[in-house]
PDB file of N, CA and C in Angstrom:
ATOM      1  N   MET A   1      23.597  56.452  27.005  1.00  0.00           N
ATOM      2  CA  MET A   1      24.249  57.560  26.990  1.00  0.00           C
ATOM      3  C   MET A   1      25.034  57.314  25.277  1.00  0.00           C
ATOM      4  N   ALA A   2      25.338  58.304  24.750  1.00  0.00           N
ATOM      5  CA  ALA A   2      25.853  58.402  23.752  1.00  0.00           C
ATOM      6  C   ALA A   2      26.770  59.676  23.275  1.00  0.00           C
ATOM      7  N   ILE A   3      27.658  59.765  22.187  1.00  0.00           N
ATOM      8  CA  ILE A   3      28.400  60.614  22.169  1.00  0.00           C
ATOM      9  C   ILE A   3      28.207  61.284  20.538  1.00  0.00           C
ATOM     10  N   ALA A   4      27.968  62.278  20.255  1.00  0.00           N
ATOM     11  CA  ALA A   4      27.926  62.838  18.823  1.00  0.00           C
ATOM     12  C   ALA A   4      28.843  64.123  18.938  1.00  0.00           C
ATOM     13  N   THR A   5      29.871  63.827  18.106  1.00  0.00           N
ATOM     14  CA  THR A   5      30.831  65.182  17.838  1.00  0.00           C
ATOM     15  C   THR A   5      30.954  65.495  16.463  1.00  0.00           C
ATOM     16  N   GLY A   6      31.266  66.738  16.459  1.00  0.00           N
ATOM     17  CA  GLY A   6      31.498  67.296  14.958  1.00  0.00           C
ATOM     18  C   GLY A   6      33.098  67.128  14.675  1.00  0.00           C
ATOM     19  N   GLY A   7      33.809  66.238  15.551  1.00  0.00           N
ATOM     20  CA  GLY A   7      35.032  65.964  14.589  1.00  0.00           C
ATOM     21  C   GLY A   7      34.944  64.589  14.245  1.00  0.00           C
ATOM     22  N   THR A   8      36.253  64.319  13.748  1.00  0.00           N
ATOM     23  CA  THR A   8      36.187  62.847  12.800  1.00  0.00           C
ATOM     24  C   THR A   8      36.783  61.829  14.112  1.00  0.00           C
ATOM     25  N   LYS A   9      36.298  60.699  13.496  1.00  0.00           N
ATOM     26  CA  LYS A   9      36.508  59.328  14.348  1.00  0.00           C
ATOM     27  C   LYS A   9      38.238  59.356  14.784  1.00  0.00           C
ATOM     28  N   GLU A  10      39.100  59.592  14.139  1.00  0.00           N
ATOM     29  CA  GLU A  10      40.603  59.721  13.679  1.00  0.00           C
ATOM     30  C   GLU A  10      40.723  60.686  14.785  1.00  0.00           C
ATOM     31  N   HIS A  11      40.244  62.080  14.995  1.00  0.00           N
ATOM     32  CA  HIS A  11      40.655  62.626  15.653  1.00  0.00           C
ATOM     33  C   HIS A  11      39.958  62.357  17.483  1.00  0.00           C
ATOM     34  N   PHE A  12      39.053  61.872  17.451  1.00  0.00           N
ATOM     35  CA  PHE A  12      38.285  61.378  18.551  1.00  0.00           C
ATOM     36  C   PHE A  12      39.129  60.480  19.471  1.00  0.00           C
ATOM     37  N   THR A  13      39.426  59.578  18.261  1.00  0.00           N
ATOM     38  CA  THR A  13      40.419  58.209  18.896  1.00  0.00           C
ATOM     39  C   THR A  13      41.689  58.755  19.371  1.00  0.00           C
ATOM     40  N   LEU A  14      42.283  59.825  18.985  1.00  0.00           N
ATOM     41  CA  LEU A  14      43.794  60.289  19.383  1.00  0.00           C
ATOM     42  C   LEU A  14      43.528  61.077  20.431  1.00  0.00           C
ATOM     43  N   VAL A  15      42.594  61.932  20.651  1.00  0.00           N
ATOM     44  CA  VAL A  15      41.968  62.590  21.645  1.00  0.00           C
ATOM     45  C   VAL A  15      41.797  61.909  23.109  1.00  0.00           C
ATOM     46  N   THR A  16      41.424  60.560  22.770  1.00  0.00           N
ATOM     47  CA  THR A  16      40.763  60.039  23.868  1.00  0.00           C
ATOM     48  C   THR A  16      41.392  58.773  24.178  1.00  0.00           C
ATOM     49  N   GLU A  17      42.313  58.258  23.345  1.00  0.00           N
ATOM     50  CA  GLU A  17      43.277  57.029  23.650  1.00  0.00           C
ATOM     51  C   GLU A  17      43.558  57.014  25.142  1.00  0.00           C
ATOM     52  N   LYS A  18      44.025  58.131  25.518  1.00  0.00           N
ATOM     53  CA  LYS A  18      44.677  57.695  27.222  1.00  0.00           C
ATOM     54  C   LYS A  18      43.675  57.369  28.363  1.00  0.00           C
ATOM     55  N   PHE A  19      42.230  57.090  27.951  1.00  0.00           N
ATOM     56  CA  PHE A  19      41.342  56.571  28.712  1.00  0.00           C
ATOM     57  C   PHE A  19      41.026  55.265  28.756  1.00  0.00           C
ATOM     58  N   GLY A  20      41.806  54.404  27.572  1.00  0.00           N
ATOM     59  CA  GLY A  20      41.444  53.362  27.618  1.00  0.00           C
ATOM     60  C   GLY A  20      40.100  52.889  26.947  1.00  0.00           C
ATOM     61  N   ASP A  21      39.447  51.867  27.550  1.00  0.00           N
ATOM     62  CA  ASP A  21      37.904  51.582  27.127  1.00  0.00           C
ATOM     63  C   ASP A  21      37.156  52.594  27.312  1.00  0.00           C
ATOM     64  N   PHE A  22      37.291  53.391  28.173  1.00  0.00           N
ATOM     65  CA  PHE A  22      36.043  54.394  28.869  1.00  0.00           C
ATOM     66  C   PHE A  22      35.159  54.822  27.541  1.00  0.00           C
ATOM     67  N   PHE A  23      35.732  55.055  26.415  1.00  0.00           N
ATOM     68  CA  PHE A  23      35.208  55.870  25.460  1.00  0.00           C
ATOM     69  C   PHE A  23      34.545  54.632  24.393  1.00  0.00           C
ATOM     70  N   LYS A  24      34.775  53.384  24.081  1.00  0.00           N
ATOM     71  CA  LYS A  24      34.368  52.521  23.359  1.00  0.00           C
ATOM     72  C   LYS A  24      33.008  52.295  23.536  1.00  0.00           C
ATOM     73  N   PRO A  25      32.243  52.179  22.301  1.00  0.00           N
ATOM     74  CA  PRO A  25      30.832  52.128  22.219  1.00  0.00           C
ATOM     75  C   PRO A  25      30.622  50.792  23.243  1.00  0.00           C
ATOM     76  N   GLY A  26      29.452  50.703  24.410  1.00  0.00           N
ATOM     77  CA  GLY A  26      29.200  49.688  24.730  1.00  0.00           C
ATOM     78  C   GLY A  26      29.691  49.579  25.982  1.00  0.00           C
ATOM     79  N   VAL A  27      30.560  50.153  26.447  1.00  0.00           N
ATOM     80  CA  VAL A  27      31.182  50.476  27.854  1.00  0.00           C
ATOM     81  C   VAL A  27      30.440  51.311  28.736  1.00  0.00           C
ATOM     82  N   PHE A  28      30.262  52.680  28.340  1.00  0.00           N
ATOM     83  CA  PHE A  28      29.301  53.506  28.916  1.00  0.00           C
ATOM     84  C   PHE A  28      28.311  54.354  27.958  1.00  0.00           C
ATOM     85  N   PHE A  29      28.989  54.153  26.633  1.00  0.00           N
ATOM     86  CA  PHE A  29      27.924  54.940  25.588  1.00  0.00           C
ATOM     87  C   PHE A  29      27.709  53.972  24.766  1.00  0.00           C
ATOM     88  N   GLU A  30      26.617  53.847  24.669  1.00  0.00           N
ATOM     89  CA  GLU A  30      25.525  52.962  23.623  1.00  0.00           C
ATOM     90  C   GLU A  30      26.159  53.262  22.064  1.00  0.00           C
ATOM     91  N   HIS A  31      26.622  54.213  21.763  1.00  0.00           N
ATOM     92  CA  HIS A  31      27.078  54.549  20.302  1.00  0.00           C
ATOM     93  C   HIS A  31      27.662  55.823  20.225  1.00  0.00           C
ATOM     94  N   LEU A  32      28.606  55.949  19.140  1.00  0.00           N
ATOM     95  CA  LEU A  32      29.328  57.138  18.952  1.00  0.00           C
ATOM     96  C   LEU A  32      29.243  58.038  17.555  1.00  0.00           C
ATOM     97  N   ILE A  33      28.741  58.829  17.570  1.00  0.00           N
ATOM     98  CA  ILE A  33      28.611  59.540  16.154  1.00  0.00           C
ATOM     99  C   ILE A  33      29.592  60.820  15.698  1.00  0.00           C
ATOM    100  N   PHE A  34      30.108  60.356  14.382  1.00  0.00           N
ATOM    101  CA  PHE A  34      31.541  61.587  14.117  1.00  0.00           C
ATOM    102  C   PHE A  34      31.132  62.020  13.202  1.00  0.00           C
ATOM    103  N   ALA A  35      30.348  63.451  13.033  1.00  0.00           N
ATOM    104  CA  ALA A  35      29.556  64.159  11.893  1.00  0.00           C
ATOM    105  C   ALA A  35      30.434  63.860  10.605  1.00  0.00           C
ATOM    106  N   PRO A  36      31.558  64.245  10.766  1.00  0.00           N
ATOM    107  CA  PRO A  36      32.120  64.304   9.230  1.00  0.00           C
ATOM    108  C   PRO A  36      32.276  63.086   8.366  1.00  0.00           C
ATOM    109  N   ASP A  37      32.060  61.642   9.416  1.00  0.00           N
ATOM    110  CA  ASP A  37      32.412  60.546   8.796  1.00  0.00           C
ATOM    111  C   ASP A  37      30.865  59.465   8.702  1.00  0.00           C
ATOM    112  N   ASP A  38      29.541  60.326   9.012  1.00  0.00           N
ATOM    113  CA  ASP A  38      28.571  59.982   9.213  1.00  0.00           C
ATOM    114  C   ASP A  38      27.601  60.618   7.825  1.00  0.00           C
ATOM    115  N   VAL A  39      27.254  59.492   6.905  1.00  0.00           N
ATOM    116  CA  VAL A  39      26.635  59.941   5.780  1.00  0.00           C
ATOM    117  C   VAL A  39      25.181  60.014   6.065  1.00  0.00           C
ATOM    118  N   GLU A  40      24.478  60.072   7.572  1.00  0.00           N
ATOM    119  CA  GLU A  40      23.144  60.538   7.491  1.00  0.00           C
ATOM    120  C   GLU A  40      23.026  62.011   8.240  1.00  0.00           C
ATOM    121  N   VAL A  41      24.373  62.288   8.412  1.00  0.00           N
ATOM    122  CA  VAL A  41      24.160  63.889   9.151  1.00  0.00           C
ATOM    123  C   VAL A  41      24.604  64.700   7.926  1.00  0.00           C
ATOM    124  N   LYS A  42      23.810  65.263   7.410  1.00  0.00           N
ATOM    125  CA  LYS A  42      24.086  66.363   6.299  1.00  0.00           C
ATOM    126  C   LYS A  42      24.337  67.598   7.102  1.00  0.00           C
ATOM    127  N   HIS A  43      24.328  68.244   7.744  1.00  0.00           N
ATOM    128  CA  HIS A  43      24.762  69.536   8.255  1.00  0.00           C
ATOM    129  C   HIS A  43      25.379  69.583   9.277  1.00  0.00           C
ATOM    130  N   MET A  44      26.338  70.443   9.691  1.00  0.00           N
ATOM    131  CA  MET A  44      26.937  70.157  10.865  1.00  0.00           C
ATOM    132  C   MET A  44      26.528  71.437  11.684  1.00  0.00           C
ATOM    133  N   LYS A  45      26.519  71.266  13.161  1.00  0.00           N
ATOM    134  CA  LYS A  45      26.224  72.270  14.013  1.00  0.00           C
ATOM    135  C   LYS A  45      26.201  74.038  13.680  1.00  0.00           C
ATOM    136  N   PRO A  46      25.222  74.695  13.741  1.00  0.00           N
ATOM    137  CA  PRO A  46      24.106  74.653  14.608  1.00  0.00           C
ATOM    138  C   PRO A  46      23.070  73.799  14.376  1.00  0.00           C
ATOM    139  N   HIS A  47      23.021  73.483  13.069  1.00  0.00           N
ATOM    140  CA  HIS A  47      22.004  72.600  12.531  1.00  0.00           C
ATOM    141  C   HIS A  47      21.622  71.497  13.511  1.00  0.00           C
ATOM    142  N   PRO A  48      20.641  70.843  13.892  1.00  0.00           N
ATOM    143  CA  PRO A  48      20.211  69.907  14.434  1.00  0.00           C
ATOM    144  C   PRO A  48      20.354  68.539  14.279  1.00  0.00           C
ATOM    145  N   ASP A  49      21.133  68.344  12.887  1.00  0.00           N
ATOM    146  CA  ASP A  49      21.334  66.996  12.226  1.00  0.00           C
ATOM    147  C   ASP A  49      22.143  65.978  12.808  1.00  0.00           C
ATOM    148  N   LEU A  50      23.162  66.355  13.400  1.00  0.00           N
ATOM    149  CA  LEU A  50      23.897  65.701  14.444  1.00  0.00           C
ATOM    150  C   LEU A  50      23.196  64.555  15.852  1.00  0.00           C
ATOM    151  N   LEU A  51      22.614  65.734  16.198  1.00  0.00           N
ATOM    152  CA  LEU A  51      21.888  65.300  17.458  1.00  0.00           C
ATOM    153  C   LEU A  51      20.463  64.375  17.308  1.00  0.00           C
ATOM    154  N   GLN A  52      19.779  64.905  16.180  1.00  0.00           N
ATOM    155  CA  GLN A  52      19.074  64.173  15.506  1.00  0.00           C
ATOM    156  C   GLN A  52      19.350  62.540  15.371  1.00  0.00           C
ATOM    157  N   VAL A  53      20.171  62.556  14.566  1.00  0.00           N
ATOM    158  CA  VAL A  53      20.908  60.896  14.069  1.00  0.00           C
ATOM    159  C   VAL A  53      21.201  60.415  14.985  1.00  0.00           C
ATOM    160  N   CYS A  54      21.760  60.735  16.253  1.00  0.00           N
ATOM    161  CA  CYS A  54      22.389  60.364  17.641  1.00  0.00           C
ATOM    162  C   CYS A  54      21.264  59.844  18.212  1.00  0.00           C
ATOM    163  N   ALA A  55      19.863  60.662  18.491  1.00  0.00           N
ATOM    164  CA  ALA A  55      19.021  60.319  19.354  1.00  0.00           C
ATOM    165  C   ALA A  55      18.265  58.952  18.580  1.00  0.00           C
ATOM    166  N   SER A  56      17.951  58.952  17.106  1.00  0.00           N
ATOM    167  CA  SER A  56      17.642  57.624  16.423  1.00  0.00           C
ATOM    168  C   SER A  56      18.211  56.297  16.342  1.00  0.00           C
ATOM    169  N   ARG A  57      19.536  56.835  16.834  1.00  0.00           N
ATOM    170  CA  ARG A  57      20.163  55.496  16.763  1.00  0.00           C
ATOM    171  C   ARG A  57      20.206  54.719  18.308  1.00  0.00           C
ATOM    172  N   PHE A  58      19.606  55.332  19.561  1.00  0.00           N
ATOM    173  CA  PHE A  58      19.360  54.627  20.510  1.00  0.00           C
ATOM    174  C   PHE A  58      18.453  53.361  20.331  1.00  0.00           C
ATOM    175  N   LYS A  59      18.922  52.280  20.872  1.00  0.00           N
ATOM    176  CA  LYS A  59      18.150  50.904  21.136  1.00  0.00           C
ATOM    177  C   LYS A  59      16.841  51.449  21.457  1.00  0.00           C
ATOM    178  N   ILE A  60      16.671  51.707  22.599  1.00  0.00           N
ATOM    179  CA  ILE A  60      15.408  52.436  23.368  1.00  0.00           C
ATOM    180  C   ILE A  60      15.804  53.642  23.714  1.00  0.00           C
ATOM    181  N   GLY A  61      15.120  54.297  23.200  1.00  0.00           N
ATOM    182  CA  GLY A  61      15.357  55.613  23.415  1.00  0.00           C
ATOM    183  C   GLY A  61      14.273  56.534  24.010  1.00  0.00           C
ATOM    184  N   PRO A  62      14.195  57.729  24.116  1.00  0.00           N
ATOM    185  CA  PRO A  62      13.198  58.216  24.768  1.00  0.00           C
ATOM    186  C   PRO A  62      11.903  58.710  23.913  1.00  0.00           C
ATOM    187  N   LYS A  63      11.001  58.756  24.732  1.00  0.00           N
ATOM    188  CA  LYS A  63       9.819  59.108  23.695  1.00  0.00           C
ATOM    189  C   LYS A  63       9.523  60.272  22.676  1.00  0.00           C
ATOM    190  N   HIS A  64      10.449  61.603  23.621  1.00  0.00           N
ATOM    191  CA  HIS A  64      10.333  62.921  23.016  1.00  0.00           C
ATOM    192  C   HIS A  64      11.736  63.258  22.975  1.00  0.00           C
ATOM    193  N   THR A  65      12.093  64.172  21.972  1.00  0.00           N
ATOM    194  CA  THR A  65      13.747  64.833  22.048  1.00  0.00           C
ATOM    195  C   THR A  65      13.539  65.587  23.319  1.00  0.00           C
ATOM    196  N   SER A  66      12.540  66.196  23.873  1.00  0.00           N
ATOM    197  CA  SER A  66      12.858  67.115  24.674  1.00  0.00           C
ATOM    198  C   SER A  66      13.035  66.429  26.490  1.00  0.00           C
ATOM    199  N   GLU A  67      12.991  65.089  26.051  1.00  0.00           N
ATOM    200  CA  GLU A  67      13.745  64.274  27.093  1.00  0.00           C
ATOM    201  C   GLU A  67      15.496  64.045  27.290  1.00  0.00           C
ATOM    202  N   ILE A  68      15.942  64.825  26.304  1.00  0.00           N
ATOM    203  CA  ILE A  68      17.194  64.360  25.808  1.00  0.00           C
ATOM    204  C   ILE A  68      17.998  65.060  26.379  1.00  0.00           C
ATOM    205  N   LEU A  69      19.293  65.265  27.125  1.00  0.00           N
ATOM    206  CA  LEU A  69      20.020  66.188  27.593  1.00  0.00           C
ATOM    207  C   LEU A  69      21.433  66.148  26.865  1.00  0.00           C
ATOM    208  N   VAL A  70      22.009  67.404  26.341  1.00  0.00           N
ATOM    209  CA  VAL A  70      22.738  67.313  25.420  1.00  0.00           C
ATOM    210  C   VAL A  70      23.858  68.486  26.032  1.00  0.00           C
ATOM    211  N   PHE A  71      25.082  67.959  26.281  1.00  0.00           N
ATOM    212  CA  PHE A  71      26.309  68.406  26.693  1.00  0.00           C
ATOM    213  C   PHE A  71      27.204  68.831  25.772  1.00  0.00           C
ATOM    214  N   ASP A  72      27.508  70.138  25.918  1.00  0.00           N
ATOM    215  CA  ASP A  72      28.425  70.772  24.909  1.00  0.00           C
ATOM    216  C   ASP A  72      29.240  71.828  25.253  1.00  0.00           C
ATOM    217  N   ASP A  73      30.238  71.907  24.621  1.00  0.00           N
ATOM    218  CA  ASP A  73      31.218  73.318  25.158  1.00  0.00           C
ATOM    219  C   ASP A  73      31.336  74.613  24.448  1.00  0.00           C
ATOM    220  N   SER A  74      30.289  74.336  23.378  1.00  0.00           N
ATOM    221  CA  SER A  74      29.877  75.459  22.413  1.00  0.00           C
ATOM    222  C   SER A  74      28.602  76.085  22.054  1.00  0.00           C
ATOM    223  N   ILE A  75      28.716  77.265  21.731  1.00  0.00           N
ATOM    224  CA  ILE A  75      27.347  77.910  21.729  1.00  0.00           C
ATOM    225  C   ILE A  75      26.509  77.153  20.371  1.00  0.00           C
ATOM    226  N   VAL A  76      27.217  76.560  19.587  1.00  0.00           N
ATOM    227  CA  VAL A  76      26.736  76.151  18.352  1.00  0.00           C
ATOM    228  C   VAL A  76      26.094  75.059  18.714  1.00  0.00           C
ATOM    229  N   GLY A  77      26.826  74.009  19.616  1.00  0.00           N
ATOM    230  CA  GLY A  77      26.019  72.920  20.345  1.00  0.00           C
ATOM    231  C   GLY A  77      24.745  73.528  21.030  1.00  0.00           C
ATOM    232  N   MET A  78      24.905  74.702  21.307  1.00  0.00           N
ATOM    233  CA  MET A  78      23.691  75.013  22.129  1.00  0.00           C
ATOM    234  C   MET A  78      22.463  75.394  21.275  1.00  0.00           C
ATOM    235  N   LYS A  79      23.007  75.686  20.169  1.00  0.00           N
ATOM    236  CA  LYS A  79      22.116  75.939  19.517  1.00  0.00           C
ATOM    237  C   LYS A  79      21.295  75.013  18.664  1.00  0.00           C
ATOM    238  N   ALA A  80      21.936  73.930  18.428  1.00  0.00           N
ATOM    239  CA  ALA A  80      21.649  72.947  17.928  1.00  0.00           C
ATOM    240  C   ALA A  80      20.774  72.201  19.003  1.00  0.00           C
ATOM    241  N   ALA A  81      21.047  71.969  20.112  1.00  0.00           N
ATOM    242  CA  ALA A  81      20.175  71.296  21.111  1.00  0.00           C
ATOM    243  C   ALA A  81      18.691  72.060  20.933  1.00  0.00           C
ATOM    244  N   LYS A  82      18.884  73.348  20.903  1.00  0.00           N
ATOM    245  CA  LYS A  82      17.440  74.042  20.953  1.00  0.00           C
ATOM    246  C   LYS A  82      16.575  73.744  19.889  1.00  0.00           C
ATOM    247  N   GLU A  83      17.524  73.868  18.925  1.00  0.00           N
ATOM    248  CA  GLU A  83      16.683  73.495  17.423  1.00  0.00           C
ATOM    249  C   GLU A  83      15.971  72.019  17.334  1.00  0.00           C
ATOM    250  N   ALA A  84      16.900  71.141  17.927  1.00  0.00           N
ATOM    251  CA  ALA A  84      16.403  69.787  18.013  1.00  0.00           C
ATOM    252  C   ALA A  84      15.256  69.523  19.110  1.00  0.00           C
ATOM    253  N   ASN A  85      15.001  70.552  19.935  1.00  0.00           N
ATOM    254  CA  ASN A  85      13.762  70.514  20.789  1.00  0.00           C
ATOM    255  C   ASN A  85      14.510  69.607  22.157  1.00  0.00           C
ATOM    256  N   MET A  86      16.199  69.700  22.371  1.00  0.00           N
ATOM    257  CA  MET A  86      16.451  69.066  23.308  1.00  0.00           C
ATOM    258  C   MET A  86      16.978  69.958  24.610  1.00  0.00           C
ATOM    259  N   ILE A  87      17.476  69.330  25.813  1.00  0.00           N
ATOM    260  CA  ILE A  87      17.985  70.019  26.910  1.00  0.00           C
ATOM    261  C   ILE A  87      19.292  70.397  27.125  1.00  0.00           C
ATOM    262  N   GLY A  88      19.439  71.561  26.691  1.00  0.00           N
ATOM    263  CA  GLY A  88      20.996  72.100  26.601  1.00  0.00           C
ATOM    264  C   GLY A  88      21.518  72.357  27.729  1.00  0.00           C
ATOM    265  N   VAL A  89      22.923  71.352  28.020  1.00  0.00           N
ATOM    266  CA  VAL A  89      23.633  71.861  29.248  1.00  0.00           C
ATOM    267  C   VAL A  89      24.851  72.440  28.662  1.00  0.00           C
ATOM    268  N   TRP A  90      25.126  73.706  28.921  1.00  0.00           N
ATOM    269  CA  TRP A  90      26.851  74.213  28.498  1.00  0.00           C
ATOM    270  C   TRP A  90      27.638  74.254  28.885  1.00  0.00           C
ATOM    271  N   VAL A  91      28.858  73.511  29.062  1.00  0.00           N
ATOM    272  CA  VAL A  91      29.959  73.287  29.842  1.00  0.00           C
ATOM    273  C   VAL A  91      30.678  74.242  29.444  1.00  0.00           C
ATOM    274  N   VAL A  92      30.629  75.308  29.802  1.00  0.00           N
ATOM    275  CA  VAL A  92      31.717  76.657  29.169  1.00  0.00           C
ATOM    276  C   VAL A  92      33.154  76.427  29.757  1.00  0.00           C
ATOM    277  N   ASP A  93      33.896  76.610  28.787  1.00  0.00           N
ATOM    278  CA  ASP A  93      35.326  76.321  29.198  1.00  0.00           C
ATOM    279  C   ASP A  93      35.462  77.961  29.288  1.00  0.00           C
ATOM    280  N   GLN A  94      35.992  78.615  30.221  1.00  0.00           N
ATOM    281  CA  GLN A  94      36.318  80.021  30.486  1.00  0.00           C
ATOM    282  C   GLN A  94      37.622  80.415  29.492  1.00  0.00           C
ATOM    283  N   ARG A  95      38.656  79.623  29.203  1.00  0.00           N
ATOM    284  CA  ARG A  95      39.751  79.919  28.889  1.00  0.00           C
ATOM    285  C   ARG A  95      39.497  80.246  27.124  1.00  0.00           C
ATOM    286  N   PHE A  96      38.220  79.585  26.600  1.00  0.00           N
ATOM    287  CA  PHE A  96      37.809  79.967  25.154  1.00  0.00           C
ATOM    288  C   PHE A  96      36.520  80.675  24.638  1.00  0.00           C
ATOM    289  N   HIS A  97      35.655  80.996  25.868  1.00  0.00           N
ATOM    290  CA  HIS A  97      34.595  81.677  25.787  1.00  0.00           C
ATOM    291  C   HIS A  97      33.952  82.007  26.643  1.00  0.00           C
ATOM    292  N   ARG A  98      33.344  83.407  26.736  1.00  0.00           N
ATOM    293  CA  ARG A  98      32.653  84.043  27.468  1.00  0.00           C
ATOM    294  C   ARG A  98      31.480  84.001  27.440  1.00  0.00           C
ATOM    295  N   VAL A  99      30.384  83.790  27.958  1.00  0.00           N
ATOM    296  CA  VAL A  99      29.050  83.561  27.827  1.00  0.00           C
ATOM    297  C   VAL A  99      28.196  85.054  27.649  1.00  0.00           C
ATOM    298  N   CYS A 100      28.029  85.559  26.273  1.00  0.00           N
ATOM    299  CA  CYS A 100      27.435  86.705  25.943  1.00  0.00           C
ATOM    300  C   CYS A 100      25.814  86.883  26.546  1.00  0.00           C
ATOM    301  N   GLU A 101      25.064  87.531  27.117  1.00  0.00           N
ATOM    302  CA  GLU A 101      23.625  87.722  27.466  1.00  0.00           C
ATOM    303  C   GLU A 101      23.042  87.092  26.573  1.00  0.00           C
ATOM    304  N   GLN A 102      23.229  87.453  25.074  1.00  0.00           N
ATOM    305  CA  GLN A 102      22.392  87.015  24.171  1.00  0.00           C
ATOM    306  C   GLN A 102      22.373  85.479  23.902  1.00  0.00           C
ATOM    307  N   ASP A 103      23.321  84.926  24.310  1.00  0.00           N
ATOM    308  CA  ASP A 103      23.775  83.405  23.936  1.00  0.00           C
ATOM    309  C   ASP A 103      23.096  82.420  25.542  1.00  0.00           C
ATOM    310  N   LYS A 104      22.447  82.938  26.313  1.00  0.00           N
ATOM    311  CA  LYS A 104      22.123  82.581  27.230  1.00  0.00           C
ATOM    312  C   LYS A 104      20.608  81.745  26.902  1.00  0.00           C
ATOM    313  N   LYS A 105      19.917  82.253  25.810  1.00  0.00           N
ATOM    314  CA  LYS A 105      19.006  81.788  25.834  1.00  0.00           C
ATOM    315  C   LYS A 105      18.729  80.409  24.963  1.00  0.00           C
ATOM    316  N   TYR A 106      19.960  79.894  24.829  1.00  0.00           N
ATOM    317  CA  TYR A 106      20.258  78.463  23.927  1.00  0.00           C
ATOM    318  C   TYR A 106      20.437  77.656  24.970  1.00  0.00           C
ATOM    319  N   ALA A 107      20.659  77.938  26.181  1.00  0.00           N
ATOM    320  CA  ALA A 107      21.065  76.827  27.178  1.00  0.00           C
ATOM    321  C   ALA A 107      20.127  76.700  28.285  1.00  0.00           C
ATOM    322  N   HIS A 108      19.653  75.427  28.545  1.00  0.00           N
ATOM    323  CA  HIS A 108      19.092  75.125  29.779  1.00  0.00           C
ATOM    324  C   HIS A 108      19.465  75.332  31.206  1.00  0.00           C
ATOM    325  N   LEU A 109      20.793  75.072  31.170  1.00  0.00           N
ATOM    326  CA  LEU A 109      21.669  75.498  32.082  1.00  0.00           C
ATOM    327  C   LEU A 109      23.456  75.501  31.688  1.00  0.00           C
ATOM    328  N   ILE A 110      23.925  76.737  32.471  1.00  0.00           N
ATOM    329  CA  ILE A 110      25.500  76.832  32.114  1.00  0.00           C
ATOM    330  C   ILE A 110      26.064  76.632  33.324  1.00  0.00           C
ATOM    331  N   ILE A 111      27.208  75.929  33.074  1.00  0.00           N
ATOM    332  CA  ILE A 111      27.918  75.533  33.910  1.00  0.00           C
ATOM    333  C   ILE A 111      29.483  75.639  33.792  1.00  0.00           C
ATOM    334  N   ASN A 112      30.412  75.720  34.584  1.00  0.00           N
ATOM    335  CA  ASN A 112      32.020  76.102  34.054  1.00  0.00           C
ATOM    336  C   ASN A 112      32.656  75.082  34.504  1.00  0.00           C
ATOM    337  N   SER A 113      32.186  73.514  34.722  1.00  0.00           N
ATOM    338  CA  SER A 113      32.592  72.542  34.904  1.00  0.00           C
ATOM    339  C   SER A 113      31.470  71.296  35.296  1.00  0.00           C
ATOM    340  N   ILE A 114      31.886  70.083  34.381  1.00  0.00           N
ATOM    341  CA  ILE A 114      30.916  68.966  34.612  1.00  0.00           C
ATOM    342  C   ILE A 114      30.511  68.408  35.737  1.00  0.00           C
ATOM    343  N   ASN A 115      31.841  68.752  36.958  1.00  0.00           N
ATOM    344  CA  ASN A 115      31.352  68.630  38.010  1.00  0.00           C
ATOM    345  C   ASN A 115      30.744  69.435  38.867  1.00  0.00           C
ATOM    346  N   GLN A 116      30.022  70.517  38.198  1.00  0.00           N
ATOM    347  CA  GLN A 116      28.933  71.465  38.733  1.00  0.00           C
ATOM    348  C   GLN A 116      27.284  70.525  38.272  1.00  0.00           C
ATOM    349  N   PHE A 117      27.477  69.830  37.494  1.00  0.00           N
ATOM    350  CA  PHE A 117      26.128  69.086  36.800  1.00  0.00           C
ATOM    351  C   PHE A 117      25.418  68.461  38.182  1.00  0.00           C
ATOM    352  N   ASP A 118      24.051  68.667  38.574  1.00  0.00           N
ATOM    353  CA  ASP A 118      23.607  67.854  39.562  1.00  0.00           C
ATOM    354  C   ASP A 118      22.630  67.201  38.825  1.00  0.00           C
ATOM    355  N   PRO A 119      22.694  65.812  38.527  1.00  0.00           N
ATOM    356  CA  PRO A 119      21.476  65.049  37.709  1.00  0.00           C
ATOM    357  C   PRO A 119      20.322  65.160  38.266  1.00  0.00           C
ATOM    358  N   LYS A 120      20.007  65.428  39.653  1.00  0.00           N
ATOM    359  CA  LYS A 120      18.736  65.362  40.601  1.00  0.00           C
ATOM    360  C   LYS A 120      18.111  66.603  39.870  1.00  0.00           C
ATOM    361  N   GLU A 121      18.854  67.843  39.355  1.00  0.00           N
ATOM    362  CA  GLU A 121      17.829  68.952  38.797  1.00  0.00           C
ATOM    363  C   GLU A 121      17.240  68.340  37.743  1.00  0.00           C
ATOM    364  N   PHE A 122      17.642  67.393  37.166  1.00  0.00           N
ATOM    365  CA  PHE A 122      17.017  66.686  35.876  1.00  0.00           C
ATOM    366  C   PHE A 122      15.608  65.243  36.323  1.00  0.00           C
ATOM    367  N   GLY A 123      15.696  65.122  37.172  1.00  0.00           N
ATOM    368  CA  GLY A 123      15.139  64.192  37.882  1.00  0.00           C
ATOM    369  C   GLY A 123      15.897  62.864  37.593  1.00  0.00           C
ATOM    370  N   LEU A 124      17.186  62.873  37.610  1.00  0.00           N
ATOM    371  CA  LEU A 124      18.097  61.770  37.417  1.00  0.00           C
ATOM    372  C   LEU A 124      18.686  61.394  38.695  1.00  0.00           C
ATOM    373  N   ASP A 125      18.826  59.816  38.865  1.00  0.00           N
ATOM    374  CA  ASP A 125      19.160  59.639  39.913  1.00  0.00           C
ATOM    375  C   ASP A 125      20.398  58.459  39.952  1.00  0.00           C
ATOM    376  N   PHE A 126      21.588  58.715  39.676  1.00  0.00           N
ATOM    377  CA  PHE A 126      22.564  57.451  39.488  1.00  0.00           C
ATOM    378  C   PHE A 126      22.996  56.909  40.437  1.00  0.00           C
ATOM    379  N   SER A 127      22.526  56.878  41.665  1.00  0.00           N
ATOM    380  CA  SER A 127      23.115  56.099  42.938  1.00  0.00           C
ATOM    381  C   SER A 127      22.965  54.901  42.868  1.00  0.00           C
ATOM    382  N   SER A 128      21.710  54.295  42.314  1.00  0.00           N
ATOM    383  CA  SER A 128      21.527  52.863  42.442  1.00  0.00           C
ATOM    384  C   SER A 128      22.389  51.887  41.839  1.00  0.00           C
TER     385      SER A 128
END
């Protein structure tokens, strides 16, 4: 797993500091990419650059981008995932966004909370 965000490292650190080491690379996430701070990311979402750079940095990555799950809370993230040929899981925060019918085509799955995600729907099993 990795984190690819359109935010800066400074902002990310500020928002996640209350979680201790959880978001530090190597604990749960192989790497973290901050689009504004990364020279390889040429264009921001909805362009797929951020996701493609993130995928390229896995030590042992999937054979195809179509095997990558992207979780995002925005329509631009879902557009980027679709453009990168990745599986988009849109975690919609109802306080900020209402899903329009025309936006549904960008996500493989739309949920209101990460707690609604069932990894088995995607052939994943984390029980062992």
